[in-house]
Amino acid sequence: MIRDLHPVAQAAFQICLTAVVTLILHVLYSLFKLLALRPLVDPLRHLPGPQGSLLQSHLQQVMNPALSVQTHQDWRTRFGQTFRFNGFGKHDYRLMSFDFRVISHVLSSSNYQKPWQTRSFLGRLIGRGIFSMEGDEHRFQRRILAPAFTVQAIKNITPVFFRKAEELHDRWKDLTCGPVSSEVEASSADPPAPGSVSESGDVIDVAHWISRASFDVIGLAGFDYDFHSLQDETEEVYGAYRRMFNIADKGLGLREILELYFPILRKIWVNDDIRTTNQSLKIIGRAGKEIVAKKKAALQDDSEENGKDILSLLIKSNLSNDPSKRLTDQELLDQCSTFLLAGSDTVSVAISWCFHFLSLHPDVQDRLRKEICSVEHDGNLSDSSTDSGFHDCTTCHPRSKMDTVWAGPCRCPPRTLWDFIEKQPYLDAVIRETLRFCPPVHATIRVAMEDDQIPISFPVTLANGDTVGKDGIQGHIKISKGTYIHVPIEGFSLSEDVWGKDALSFNPDRWAKVKEWDPTKPGVNNLMTFGYGPHSCLGYRFALAEIKIFIASLLPHFEFSHPEDVKILKFNSILTRPFVSGKWSSGTQLPLRIRQVK
């Protein structure tokens, strides 16, 4: 039949046939090399770890919060502090370690970067922001952003946190307007009784409301722009953002994985999720361009010289650099998108989990409420200005027991309500325990860009019986280029070797024994929650300040309890979020019963 074709057609057919056969042979060889040869030469094959068939994956056990805690305990007991497991099969051996020397080496070395798949996924949602950059670009962006997250810069924007916390309080008060208990009211001169609550209570979705509040916070603190989502959640940008991340929270299925490797699929095979995401990105991008343009124009006016929002500081810092090293308008927009993710969702998730744990531990809740309510501060203390002028101060002018008149204006630096809240020990302990017990980011992954040898502190017994690092001799683990290393943030935070036998218990009192920057509790602020090394969370002070202010502003006014017949579980996508058992399709939810405190 081929002989009957025109010679030109015959030649074309033979070329096509050769190309197809070559492609098939190349695919078969690649599969053989991947599935058969690679496991035979991968140095991780010698490490201890769970067994599995050729294509068996352990990723579900590692990444599902319902399984990961028990998995980590089991594997540490069986294999020690450092071991390997199957990613997508034996051809994909991955390293996991609870040895901090291993973790610090991986997170501090430029040889280990976020996998391109992670950066591609994040880049699609938030652009080329600091979260999705590596190498010189990441270092440059971090240097530009750093001045916006200093101690003083955070203090300057705390009034925004108070403002939105008060607004959320008013909304919750409207939702829980049941009758106040009939206990005898204290006189106006007496402090409020922390234990007096309304007899009735209402169940509200705490996660939903805090998400709206934190979105408003990052709008004002980040761009001096109020989205007003607490008042109206149909606001266009908030709605676009929520729709986009509700889709992202579904995680990566087979189709989404294929789209990472073949981006063209998102253009030629458009489904509802892609269409919604694209529309959301257009809305967010358009709003971002308007905000950046207005902010740049406003900064030309002397009245905006002292703008305290992050975008103002970023633009001013950006303009002061060498023109060849400035952030472009698109890069500024990408940072804005990054702020919306990092400054909104991560914080709102942490605050939600904190109220959840307080509802499960009434004794902790009562003790914390009493500490907050017993804060003693100056009579004219302002929570909305760091330069409120004169105020009464017992430091400059100690008050006599017989005297009822203050001696005059204070010569000390003015103090704000934040100065007092920041120093409350039990509040700090409860928040740090929440971030330890349920870190918003479950784990992180790095990939080796070149072959390497990772130093270890704890001995590792190999499959052949040899022990690496025994008798106090420095040991190393060989890593091949392209190997994935899983850093179990949750697992490290719940490790009994680090936190003691009660590591799986919610116990804020443990922090009374932890010294600041305790080397035995490594990580930013003694928590792996904020990461470690050059990629650690730049905005951790921002997050801690917002969480503290929201808890301190709301807990004195409301009592939180767990609703009957409601079971809260965790799911892990970009962040570890709460959902109601049996209502997975409803997405993130955290219903709590709230009653007003007198």
Protein backbone atom coordinates (compact mmCIF):
# COMPACT_ATOMS: atom_id res chain seq x y z
CA MET A 1 0.00 0.00 0.00
CA ILE A 2 2.86 2.37 0.80
CA ARG A 3 4.45 1.57 -2.57
CA ASP A 4 1.34 2.93 -4.30
CA LEU A 5 1.87 6.37 -2.75
CA HIS A 6 3.59 9.24 -4.53
CA PRO A 7 7.34 9.24 -3.78
CA VAL A 8 7.02 12.53 -1.88
CA ALA A 9 4.16 11.10 0.19
CA GLN A 10 6.22 7.96 0.81
CA ALA A 11 9.11 10.02 2.09
CA ALA A 12 6.83 12.09 4.33
CA PHE A 13 5.21 8.94 5.69
CA GLN A 14 8.59 7.35 6.45
CA ILE A 15 9.77 10.52 8.20
CA CYS A 16 6.62 10.60 10.33
CA LEU A 17 6.92 6.89 11.11
CA THR A 18 10.56 7.31 12.09
CA ALA A 19 9.70 10.26 14.31
CA VAL A 20 6.89 8.34 16.03
CA VAL A 21 9.08 5.25 16.57
CA THR A 22 11.91 7.45 17.88
CA LEU A 23 9.53 9.22 20.26
CA ILE A 24 8.14 5.91 21.52
CA LEU A 25 11.64 4.51 22.05
CA HIS A 26 12.68 7.70 23.84
CA VAL A 27 9.65 7.51 26.15
CA LEU A 28 10.28 3.81 26.86
CA TYR A 29 13.96 4.46 27.57
CA SER A 30 13.09 7.39 29.84
CA LEU A 31 10.60 5.22 31.75
CA PHE A 32 13.17 2.42 32.04
CA LYS A 33 15.78 4.87 33.25
CA LEU A 34 13.34 6.45 35.71
CA LEU A 35 11.68 3.32 37.09
CA ALA A 36 14.49 0.76 36.86
CA LEU A 37 17.90 2.46 36.78
CA ARG A 38 17.42 5.47 39.03
CA PRO A 39 16.40 3.48 42.15
CA LEU A 40 19.58 1.41 41.73
CA VAL A 41 21.90 4.43 41.88
CA ASP A 42 20.01 6.79 44.20
CA PRO A 43 22.12 7.12 47.41
CA LEU A 44 18.91 7.35 49.45
CA ARG A 45 18.24 3.67 48.70
CA HIS A 46 20.65 2.81 51.54
CA LEU A 47 18.72 4.83 54.14
CA PRO A 48 16.09 3.26 56.40
CA GLY A 49 12.48 3.98 55.62
CA PRO A 50 9.03 2.50 54.96
CA GLN A 51 8.82 -0.16 52.28
CA GLY A 52 6.59 0.14 49.25
CA SER A 53 5.95 -1.39 45.85
CA LEU A 54 7.36 0.05 42.63
CA LEU A 55 4.73 2.78 42.23
CA GLN A 56 3.46 2.99 45.82
CA SER A 57 3.38 6.54 47.21
CA HIS A 58 3.65 7.66 50.85
CA LEU A 59 2.70 11.27 50.09
CA GLN A 60 -0.81 10.92 51.50
CA GLN A 61 0.59 9.74 54.83
CA VAL A 62 3.03 12.65 54.89
CA MET A 63 0.80 15.50 53.72
CA ASN A 64 -2.65 14.66 55.13
CA PRO A 65 -2.97 16.24 58.62
CA ALA A 66 -5.31 13.42 59.65
CA LEU A 67 -2.48 10.91 59.10
CA SER A 68 0.78 12.85 59.33
CA VAL A 69 1.05 13.14 63.13
CA GLN A 70 0.86 9.39 63.65
CA THR A 71 3.02 8.76 60.59
CA HIS A 72 5.79 11.01 61.90
CA GLN A 73 5.72 9.33 65.31
CA ASP A 74 5.75 5.84 63.80
CA TRP A 75 8.58 6.54 61.37
CA ARG A 76 10.76 8.26 63.98
CA THR A 77 10.31 5.28 66.29
CA ARG A 78 11.17 2.76 63.57
CA PHE A 79 13.82 4.56 61.52
CA GLY A 80 15.34 7.28 63.70
CA GLN A 81 15.59 11.00 63.02
CA THR A 82 16.47 10.83 59.33
CA PHE A 83 14.98 8.49 56.72
CA ARG A 84 13.65 8.19 53.19
CA PHE A 85 10.18 7.47 51.84
CA ASN A 86 8.50 7.06 48.47
CA GLY A 87 7.24 10.15 46.68
CA PHE A 88 5.40 8.85 43.63
CA GLY A 89 7.18 5.49 43.85
CA LYS A 90 10.59 3.89 44.36
CA HIS A 91 11.95 6.00 41.51
CA ASP A 92 11.20 9.06 43.66
CA TYR A 93 12.96 8.48 46.99
CA ARG A 94 12.59 11.55 49.21
CA LEU A 95 14.40 12.58 52.37
CA MET A 96 12.70 13.55 55.62
CA SER A 97 14.53 14.49 58.80
CA PHE A 98 13.83 15.62 62.35
CA ASP A 99 17.54 16.30 62.86
CA PHE A 100 17.85 20.07 63.06
CA ARG A 101 21.36 20.01 61.62
CA VAL A 102 19.88 18.48 58.47
CA ILE A 103 16.98 20.97 58.42
CA SER A 104 19.21 24.01 58.99
CA HIS A 105 21.61 22.88 56.24
CA VAL A 106 18.79 22.46 53.74
CA LEU A 107 17.02 25.72 54.61
CA SER A 108 20.22 27.77 54.77
CA SER A 109 22.00 26.53 51.66
CA SER A 110 21.44 28.10 48.24
CA ASN A 111 21.77 24.58 46.81
CA TYR A 112 18.22 23.82 47.95
CA GLN A 113 15.31 25.66 46.39
CA LYS A 114 11.55 25.40 46.21
CA PRO A 115 10.64 22.94 43.44
CA TRP A 116 9.78 24.58 40.13
CA GLN A 117 6.30 23.03 40.39
CA THR A 118 5.65 24.90 43.66
CA ARG A 119 6.99 28.16 42.26
CA SER A 120 4.94 27.74 39.08
CA PHE A 121 1.76 27.10 41.06
CA LEU A 122 2.31 30.08 43.37
CA GLY A 123 3.46 32.27 40.50
CA ARG A 124 0.22 31.63 38.66
CA LEU A 125 -1.74 32.99 41.63
CA ILE A 126 0.50 35.73 43.05
CA GLY A 127 3.01 36.44 40.29
CA ARG A 128 6.75 36.80 40.80
CA GLY A 129 6.55 37.83 44.43
CA ILE A 130 9.00 36.98 47.19
CA PHE A 131 7.29 33.62 47.83
CA SER A 132 7.90 32.34 44.32
CA MET A 133 11.41 33.67 43.78
CA GLU A 134 14.80 32.07 44.42
CA GLY A 135 18.45 33.08 44.25
CA ASP A 136 19.47 36.68 43.55
CA GLU A 137 15.89 37.77 42.77
CA HIS A 138 14.69 36.55 46.17
CA ARG A 139 17.57 38.25 48.00
CA PHE A 140 16.94 41.53 46.18
CA GLN A 141 13.21 41.50 46.92
CA ARG A 142 13.81 40.61 50.56
CA ARG A 143 16.23 43.54 50.93
CA ILE A 144 13.68 45.91 49.41
CA LEU A 145 10.86 44.62 51.64
CA ALA A 146 12.80 44.44 54.94
CA PRO A 147 12.30 48.09 56.03
CA ALA A 148 8.52 47.59 55.94
CA PHE A 149 8.72 44.92 58.65
CA THR A 150 10.95 46.46 61.31
CA VAL A 151 9.77 46.69 64.92
CA GLN A 152 8.94 50.39 64.53
CA ALA A 153 7.21 49.89 61.18
CA ILE A 154 4.94 47.25 62.71
CA LYS A 155 4.19 49.45 65.72
CA ASN A 156 3.19 52.26 63.37
CA ILE A 157 0.48 50.14 61.73
CA THR A 158 -0.95 48.54 64.89
CA PRO A 159 -3.78 51.14 64.96
CA VAL A 160 -5.11 49.44 61.83
CA PHE A 161 -5.26 46.13 63.71
CA PHE A 162 -7.15 47.73 66.60
CA ARG A 163 -9.55 49.47 64.23
CA LYS A 164 -10.53 46.29 62.41
CA ALA A 165 -10.65 44.24 65.61
CA GLU A 166 -13.11 46.77 67.02
CA GLU A 167 -15.15 46.61 63.83
CA LEU A 168 -15.26 42.82 64.04
CA HIS A 169 -16.30 43.11 67.69
CA ASP A 170 -19.24 45.29 66.65
CA ARG A 171 -20.32 42.82 63.98
CA TRP A 172 -20.17 39.89 66.40
CA LYS A 173 -22.02 41.89 69.03
CA ASP A 174 -24.85 42.41 66.54
CA LEU A 175 -24.90 38.67 65.81
CA THR A 176 -24.90 37.68 69.49
CA CYS A 177 -27.31 40.24 70.91
CA GLY A 178 -28.97 37.91 73.41
CA PRO A 179 -29.85 39.11 76.93
CA VAL A 180 -27.01 39.74 79.33
CA SER A 181 -26.90 37.63 82.49
CA SER A 182 -28.89 38.97 85.43
CA GLU A 183 -25.93 39.01 87.80
CA VAL A 184 -25.54 42.07 89.96
CA GLU A 185 -23.69 44.67 87.91
CA ALA A 186 -20.51 46.15 89.27
CA SER A 187 -20.32 49.85 89.91
CA SER A 188 -18.89 52.06 87.21
CA ALA A 189 -15.72 52.43 89.28
CA ASP A 190 -15.13 48.66 89.33
CA PRO A 191 -13.48 46.74 86.47
CA PRO A 192 -15.72 44.44 84.39
CA ALA A 193 -16.14 40.93 85.71
CA PRO A 194 -14.34 38.64 83.24
CA GLY A 195 -16.58 35.69 84.05
CA SER A 196 -19.96 37.30 83.43
CA VAL A 197 -21.47 36.11 80.14
CA SER A 198 -24.82 36.28 78.43
CA GLU A 199 -27.13 33.34 79.01
CA SER A 200 -27.68 32.81 75.30
CA GLY A 201 -25.17 32.29 72.56
CA ASP A 202 -25.08 31.98 68.82
CA VAL A 203 -23.04 29.73 66.56
CA ILE A 204 -21.11 31.69 63.95
CA ASP A 205 -18.42 30.73 61.46
CA VAL A 206 -15.40 32.32 63.12
CA ALA A 207 -13.06 31.46 60.23
CA HIS A 208 -15.31 33.25 57.74
CA TRP A 209 -15.49 36.48 59.75
CA ILE A 210 -11.82 36.60 60.65
CA SER A 211 -10.93 36.01 57.00
CA ARG A 212 -12.92 39.12 56.09
CA ALA A 213 -11.34 41.16 58.89
CA SER A 214 -7.77 40.14 58.04
CA PHE A 215 -8.38 40.96 54.37
CA ASP A 216 -9.39 44.46 55.40
CA VAL A 217 -6.30 44.67 57.62
CA ILE A 218 -3.88 43.88 54.82
CA GLY A 219 -5.73 46.34 52.59
CA LEU A 220 -5.14 49.18 55.06
CA ALA A 221 -1.77 48.10 56.45
CA GLY A 222 -0.47 47.02 53.08
CA PHE A 223 -1.85 49.65 50.71
CA ASP A 224 -3.79 52.19 52.83
CA TYR A 225 -6.90 50.92 51.03
CA ASP A 226 -10.04 49.76 52.85
CA PHE A 227 -11.82 46.91 51.07
CA HIS A 228 -14.70 47.15 53.60
CA SER A 229 -15.19 43.38 53.31
CA LEU A 230 -16.23 43.22 56.98
CA GLN A 231 -19.22 45.36 56.11
CA ASP A 232 -19.91 43.93 52.67
CA GLU A 233 -18.35 40.66 51.57
CA THR A 234 -19.65 41.22 48.03
CA GLU A 235 -16.85 43.78 47.59
CA GLU A 236 -15.36 42.97 44.17
CA VAL A 237 -11.70 42.41 45.04
CA TYR A 238 -12.44 40.38 48.18
CA GLY A 239 -14.90 38.22 46.23
CA ALA A 240 -12.37 37.65 43.45
CA TYR A 241 -9.65 36.75 45.92
CA ARG A 242 -11.87 34.33 47.83
CA ARG A 243 -13.14 32.60 44.69
CA MET A 244 -9.60 32.14 43.41
CA PHE A 245 -8.24 30.68 46.61
CA ASN A 246 -11.29 28.51 47.21
CA ILE A 247 -10.35 26.85 43.92
CA ALA A 248 -6.68 26.61 44.93
CA ASP A 249 -7.71 25.00 48.23
CA LYS A 250 -9.01 21.99 46.33
CA GLY A 251 -5.40 20.98 45.88
CA LEU A 252 -3.67 19.46 42.87
CA GLY A 253 -5.48 16.69 41.04
CA LEU A 254 -4.24 14.86 37.94
CA ARG A 255 -5.42 17.64 35.66
CA GLU A 256 -3.73 20.37 37.72
CA ILE A 257 -0.46 18.39 37.75
CA LEU A 258 -0.61 18.02 33.95
CA GLU A 259 -1.19 21.77 33.67
CA LEU A 260 2.08 22.42 35.53
CA TYR A 261 4.00 20.40 32.97
CA PHE A 262 1.92 21.53 29.98
CA PRO A 263 0.71 25.13 30.69
CA ILE A 264 -0.85 25.28 27.22
CA LEU A 265 -3.66 23.10 28.58
CA ARG A 266 -4.98 26.11 30.54
CA LYS A 267 -5.54 27.91 27.23
CA ILE A 268 -6.88 25.11 25.03
CA TRP A 269 -8.84 23.17 27.67
CA VAL A 270 -10.59 25.81 29.77
CA ASN A 271 -12.96 24.66 32.49
CA ASP A 272 -15.01 26.60 35.05
CA ASP A 273 -12.17 26.72 37.60
CA ILE A 274 -9.71 28.17 35.09
CA ARG A 275 -12.29 30.64 33.82
CA THR A 276 -13.08 31.80 37.38
CA THR A 277 -9.38 32.06 38.30
CA ASN A 278 -8.60 34.11 35.19
CA GLN A 279 -11.51 36.47 35.86
CA SER A 280 -10.42 36.85 39.48
CA LEU A 281 -6.84 37.63 38.48
CA LYS A 282 -8.09 40.34 36.11
CA ILE A 283 -10.13 41.99 38.87
CA ILE A 284 -7.24 41.81 41.37
CA GLY A 285 -4.75 43.03 38.76
CA ARG A 286 -6.91 45.98 37.73
CA ALA A 287 -7.44 47.04 41.35
CA GLY A 288 -3.74 46.60 42.08
CA LYS A 289 -2.73 48.86 39.20
CA GLU A 290 -5.09 51.58 40.43
CA ILE A 291 -3.76 51.32 43.98
CA VAL A 292 -0.10 51.46 42.90
CA ALA A 293 -0.75 54.40 40.54
CA LYS A 294 -2.62 56.39 43.20
CA LYS A 295 0.01 55.63 45.82
CA LYS A 296 2.85 56.76 43.55
CA ALA A 297 1.00 59.98 42.75
CA ALA A 298 0.20 60.63 46.41
CA LEU A 299 3.82 60.16 47.45
CA GLN A 300 4.74 63.13 45.27
CA ASP A 301 2.75 65.24 47.77
CA ASP A 302 4.48 66.25 51.01
CA SER A 303 1.35 65.27 52.93
CA GLU A 304 2.04 61.64 52.09
CA GLU A 305 5.69 61.81 53.05
CA ASN A 306 5.13 59.78 56.20
CA GLY A 307 2.85 57.12 54.74
CA LYS A 308 3.09 54.10 57.06
CA ASP A 309 1.46 51.41 54.94
CA ILE A 310 3.75 48.74 53.48
CA LEU A 311 3.27 49.82 49.86
CA SER A 312 4.28 53.41 50.70
CA LEU A 313 7.43 52.23 52.44
CA LEU A 314 8.12 49.84 49.59
CA ILE A 315 7.77 52.51 46.91
CA LYS A 316 9.89 55.01 48.84
CA SER A 317 12.58 52.40 49.46
CA ASN A 318 12.36 51.31 45.85
CA LEU A 319 12.80 54.84 44.51
CA SER A 320 15.87 55.42 46.68
CA ASN A 321 17.80 52.57 45.02
CA ASP A 322 19.87 52.44 41.89
CA PRO A 323 17.40 52.79 38.96
CA SER A 324 18.74 49.55 37.46
CA LYS A 325 17.73 47.67 40.61
CA ARG A 326 14.25 49.06 41.20
CA LEU A 327 11.13 46.97 41.29
CA THR A 328 9.01 47.44 38.20
CA ASP A 329 5.31 48.26 38.47
CA GLN A 330 4.53 44.63 37.69
CA GLU A 331 6.85 43.46 40.47
CA LEU A 332 5.15 45.90 42.85
CA LEU A 333 1.81 44.36 41.85
CA ASP A 334 3.19 40.88 42.46
CA GLN A 335 4.28 41.92 45.94
CA CYS A 336 0.78 43.24 46.59
CA SER A 337 -0.65 39.85 45.63
CA THR A 338 1.88 38.19 47.91
CA PHE A 339 0.78 40.43 50.79
CA LEU A 340 -2.83 39.37 50.21
CA LEU A 341 -1.86 35.71 50.61
CA ALA A 342 0.79 35.95 53.32
CA GLY A 343 -0.70 38.88 55.22
CA SER A 344 -4.30 37.78 55.09
CA ASP A 345 -4.92 34.05 54.92
CA THR A 346 -2.01 32.81 57.03
CA VAL A 347 -2.90 35.20 59.86
CA SER A 348 -6.65 34.57 59.69
CA VAL A 349 -6.06 30.82 59.81
CA ALA A 350 -3.83 31.21 62.89
CA ILE A 351 -6.38 33.42 64.70
CA SER A 352 -9.17 30.97 63.87
CA TRP A 353 -7.24 28.01 65.25
CA CYS A 354 -6.43 30.01 68.39
CA PHE A 355 -10.13 30.60 69.12
CA HIS A 356 -10.76 26.92 68.37
CA PHE A 357 -8.22 25.79 70.98
CA LEU A 358 -9.55 28.32 73.49
CA SER A 359 -13.02 26.86 72.99
CA LEU A 360 -11.66 23.37 73.72
CA HIS A 361 -9.77 24.55 76.82
CA PRO A 362 -12.09 26.76 78.93
CA ASP A 363 -9.53 26.98 81.73
CA VAL A 364 -6.96 28.45 79.36
CA GLN A 365 -9.60 30.80 77.94
CA ASP A 366 -10.66 32.08 81.39
CA ARG A 367 -7.08 32.56 82.53
CA LEU A 368 -6.18 34.48 79.38
CA ARG A 369 -9.29 36.66 79.62
CA LYS A 370 -8.40 37.57 83.20
CA GLU A 371 -4.85 38.52 82.20
CA ILE A 372 -6.10 40.76 79.40
CA CYS A 373 -8.77 42.37 81.56
CA SER A 374 -6.32 43.04 84.37
CA VAL A 375 -3.93 45.08 82.22
CA GLU A 376 -3.15 48.30 84.07
CA HIS A 377 -2.24 51.25 81.91
CA ASP A 378 -2.20 55.02 81.88
CA GLY A 379 -5.47 56.89 82.09
CA ASN A 380 -5.30 58.57 78.65
CA LEU A 381 -3.77 55.63 76.86
CA SER A 382 -4.43 55.77 73.13
CA ASP A 383 -4.63 52.75 70.87
CA SER A 384 -4.76 54.78 67.70
CA SER A 385 -1.69 56.98 67.77
CA THR A 386 1.94 56.66 68.68
CA ASP A 387 2.23 60.41 69.24
CA SER A 388 -0.81 61.15 71.33
CA GLY A 389 0.93 63.99 73.20
CA PHE A 390 0.67 64.41 76.96
CA HIS A 391 -0.60 61.58 79.08
CA ASP A 392 -0.62 60.69 82.73
CA CYS A 393 2.33 58.55 83.71
CA THR A 394 3.22 56.97 87.05
CA THR A 395 6.81 56.56 85.91
CA CYS A 396 7.54 60.31 85.69
CA HIS A 397 5.10 61.29 88.41
CA PRO A 398 4.44 58.55 91.00
CA ARG A 399 1.03 59.08 92.47
CA SER A 400 0.74 59.58 96.21
CA LYS A 401 -1.89 57.62 98.07
CA MET A 402 -3.27 60.96 99.33
CA ASP A 403 -2.93 62.80 96.03
CA THR A 404 -5.65 62.85 93.41
CA VAL A 405 -3.93 65.33 91.10
CA TRP A 406 -1.31 64.37 88.51
CA ALA A 407 1.92 66.33 88.67
CA GLY A 408 2.02 67.34 85.00
CA PRO A 409 2.79 66.17 81.51
CA CYS A 410 4.85 63.04 80.96
CA ARG A 411 8.43 63.25 79.73
CA CYS A 412 8.56 59.55 78.78
CA PRO A 413 7.92 58.40 75.19
CA PRO A 414 4.15 58.02 74.73
CA ARG A 415 2.90 54.48 75.14
CA THR A 416 0.09 52.84 73.24
CA LEU A 417 -2.19 49.98 74.14
CA TRP A 418 0.01 47.82 71.93
CA ASP A 419 2.96 48.42 74.27
CA PHE A 420 1.00 46.73 77.05
CA ILE A 421 -0.57 43.96 74.99
CA GLU A 422 2.77 43.01 73.49
CA LYS A 423 4.17 42.24 76.93
CA GLN A 424 1.37 40.04 78.28
CA PRO A 425 3.13 36.73 79.02
CA TYR A 426 0.18 34.35 78.93
CA LEU A 427 -1.21 35.91 75.74
CA ASP A 428 2.18 35.41 74.14
CA ALA A 429 2.30 31.81 75.41
CA VAL A 430 -1.18 30.94 74.10
CA ILE A 431 -0.41 32.32 70.66
CA ARG A 432 2.97 30.64 70.40
CA GLU A 433 1.43 27.37 71.55
CA THR A 434 -1.27 27.72 68.87
CA LEU A 435 1.36 28.30 66.20
CA ARG A 436 3.34 25.32 67.47
CA PHE A 437 0.36 23.01 67.81
CA CYS A 438 -1.18 23.89 64.45
CA PRO A 439 1.20 25.79 62.16
CA PRO A 440 -0.66 27.37 59.23
CA VAL A 441 1.94 25.92 56.83
CA HIS A 442 2.02 22.16 57.37
CA ALA A 443 5.39 21.49 55.69
CA THR A 444 7.73 22.78 53.03
CA ILE A 445 9.72 21.07 50.27
CA ARG A 446 13.14 21.76 48.80
CA VAL A 447 14.94 20.20 45.84
CA ALA A 448 18.72 19.75 45.52
CA MET A 449 20.11 21.74 42.60
CA GLU A 450 23.42 19.83 42.73
CA ASP A 451 24.81 16.70 44.38
CA ASP A 452 25.52 17.32 48.05
CA GLN A 453 26.47 15.81 51.39
CA ILE A 454 24.24 16.80 54.31
CA PRO A 455 25.77 16.75 57.82
CA ILE A 456 23.85 14.88 60.54
CA SER A 457 23.77 15.07 64.34
CA PHE A 458 22.05 11.75 65.01
CA PRO A 459 23.46 8.42 63.73
CA VAL A 460 21.69 6.77 60.78
CA THR A 461 21.75 2.99 60.43
CA LEU A 462 21.87 2.00 56.77
CA ALA A 463 20.16 -0.96 55.11
CA ASN A 464 23.40 -2.98 55.15
CA GLY A 465 23.76 -2.55 58.91
CA ASP A 466 26.47 0.13 58.82
CA THR A 467 25.91 3.23 60.94
CA VAL A 468 26.76 6.70 59.69
CA GLY A 469 27.82 9.17 62.36
CA LYS A 470 28.37 6.68 65.19
CA ASP A 471 30.82 7.14 68.08
CA GLY A 472 30.61 10.90 67.81
CA ILE A 473 32.21 10.96 64.36
CA GLN A 474 30.72 13.54 61.99
CA GLY A 475 28.50 11.82 59.46
CA HIS A 476 27.01 12.89 56.14
CA ILE A 477 24.16 11.76 53.91
CA LYS A 478 24.73 11.81 50.17
CA ILE A 479 22.08 13.57 48.08
CA SER A 480 21.73 13.45 44.30
CA LYS A 481 20.78 16.43 42.18
CA GLY A 482 17.00 16.59 41.81
CA THR A 483 16.24 14.87 45.15
CA TYR A 484 13.30 16.28 47.13
CA ILE A 485 13.69 17.01 50.83
CA HIS A 486 10.55 17.35 52.96
CA VAL A 487 10.83 19.67 55.97
CA PRO A 488 8.03 18.56 58.36
CA ILE A 489 7.15 21.84 60.07
CA GLU A 490 4.18 20.31 61.90
CA GLY A 491 6.16 17.16 62.67
CA PHE A 492 9.08 19.10 64.13
CA SER A 493 6.67 21.27 66.14
CA LEU A 494 5.06 18.16 67.65
CA SER A 495 8.26 16.19 68.19
CA GLU A 496 8.62 14.72 71.67
CA ASP A 497 12.40 14.96 71.32
CA VAL A 498 12.08 18.76 71.14
CA TRP A 499 8.99 19.52 73.23
CA GLY A 500 8.84 16.66 75.72
CA LYS A 501 6.37 13.86 76.31
CA ASP A 502 3.40 16.24 76.30
CA ALA A 503 4.24 17.50 72.80
CA LEU A 504 0.81 16.40 71.54
CA SER A 505 -0.98 18.36 74.26
CA PHE A 506 -2.05 21.99 74.00
CA ASN A 507 -0.15 23.48 76.93
CA PRO A 508 0.69 27.21 76.88
CA ASP A 509 2.52 26.89 80.20
CA ARG A 510 5.40 25.15 78.43
CA TRP A 511 6.51 28.56 77.14
CA ALA A 512 7.27 29.82 80.64
CA LYS A 513 10.25 27.44 80.57
CA VAL A 514 11.44 28.44 77.10
CA LYS A 515 14.07 31.17 77.09
CA GLU A 516 13.98 33.70 74.28
CA TRP A 517 15.84 32.30 71.25
CA ASP A 518 16.39 28.99 73.03
CA PRO A 519 18.82 26.97 70.84
CA THR A 520 17.02 23.75 71.80
CA LYS A 521 13.80 25.17 70.28
CA PRO A 522 15.14 26.39 66.92
CA GLY A 523 13.33 28.49 64.39
CA VAL A 524 12.14 32.10 64.25
CA ASN A 525 10.89 33.06 67.73
CA ASN A 526 11.60 29.45 68.81
CA LEU A 527 9.08 28.20 66.25
CA MET A 528 9.60 26.35 62.98
CA THR A 529 6.20 27.82 62.04
CA PHE A 530 7.95 30.87 60.57
CA GLY A 531 10.66 28.83 58.88
CA TYR A 532 14.40 29.19 59.18
CA GLY A 533 17.26 30.73 57.26
CA PRO A 534 17.19 33.10 54.25
CA HIS A 535 13.63 32.12 53.37
CA SER A 536 12.18 32.53 56.88
CA CYS A 537 9.01 34.58 57.19
CA LEU A 538 9.91 38.25 56.80
CA GLY A 539 6.54 39.35 58.20
CA TYR A 540 6.48 37.28 61.38
CA ARG A 541 6.32 40.40 63.59
CA PHE A 542 3.35 41.64 61.55
CA ALA A 543 1.59 38.30 62.04
CA LEU A 544 2.24 38.11 65.78
CA ALA A 545 1.10 41.69 66.34
CA GLU A 546 -2.14 41.18 64.42
CA ILE A 547 -2.93 37.90 66.18
CA LYS A 548 -2.25 39.36 69.64
CA ILE A 549 -4.37 42.45 69.03
CA PHE A 550 -7.34 40.51 67.66
CA ILE A 551 -7.29 38.02 70.55
CA ALA A 552 -6.81 40.76 73.15
CA SER A 553 -9.56 42.90 71.61
CA LEU A 554 -12.19 40.18 71.28
CA LEU A 555 -11.66 37.75 74.16
CA PRO A 556 -12.65 40.20 76.94
CA HIS A 557 -16.04 40.65 75.23
CA PHE A 558 -16.92 37.12 74.12
CA GLU A 559 -16.82 33.60 75.47
CA PHE A 560 -16.11 30.83 72.97
CA SER A 561 -17.33 27.24 73.29
CA HIS A 562 -17.48 24.23 71.03
CA PRO A 563 -20.93 23.55 69.48
CA GLU A 564 -22.49 20.19 70.21
CA ASP A 565 -22.29 17.52 67.50
CA VAL A 566 -19.76 19.48 65.45
CA LYS A 567 -16.38 17.91 64.75
CA ILE A 568 -13.62 20.14 63.36
CA LEU A 569 -10.96 18.53 61.18
CA LYS A 570 -7.93 19.84 59.29
CA PHE A 571 -7.23 19.81 55.59
CA ASN A 572 -3.98 20.80 53.97
CA SER A 573 -3.72 22.66 50.68
CA ILE A 574 -1.68 25.86 50.57
CA LEU A 575 -2.48 26.29 54.29
CA THR A 576 -3.83 24.03 57.03
CA ARG A 577 -7.47 25.03 57.28
CA PRO A 578 -10.40 23.89 59.44
CA PHE A 579 -13.51 22.23 58.05
CA VAL A 580 -16.57 20.53 59.52
CA SER A 581 -16.53 16.75 59.38
CA GLY A 582 -18.96 15.58 56.70
CA LYS A 583 -19.06 19.00 55.04
CA TRP A 584 -15.87 18.98 53.01
CA SER A 585 -17.63 20.44 49.98
CA SER A 586 -18.52 23.55 52.02
CA GLY A 587 -14.84 24.47 52.30
CA THR A 588 -13.19 26.28 55.20
CA GLN A 589 -15.48 26.52 58.23
CA LEU A 590 -14.99 26.91 61.98
CA PRO A 591 -18.35 27.25 63.73
CA LEU A 592 -18.08 28.26 67.40
CA ARG A 593 -20.72 29.18 69.95
CA ILE A 594 -20.16 32.77 71.08
CA ARG A 595 -21.70 34.49 74.07
CA GLN A 596 -21.18 38.05 75.16
CA VAL A 597 -19.13 38.73 78.25
CA LYS A 598 -20.41 41.52 80.50
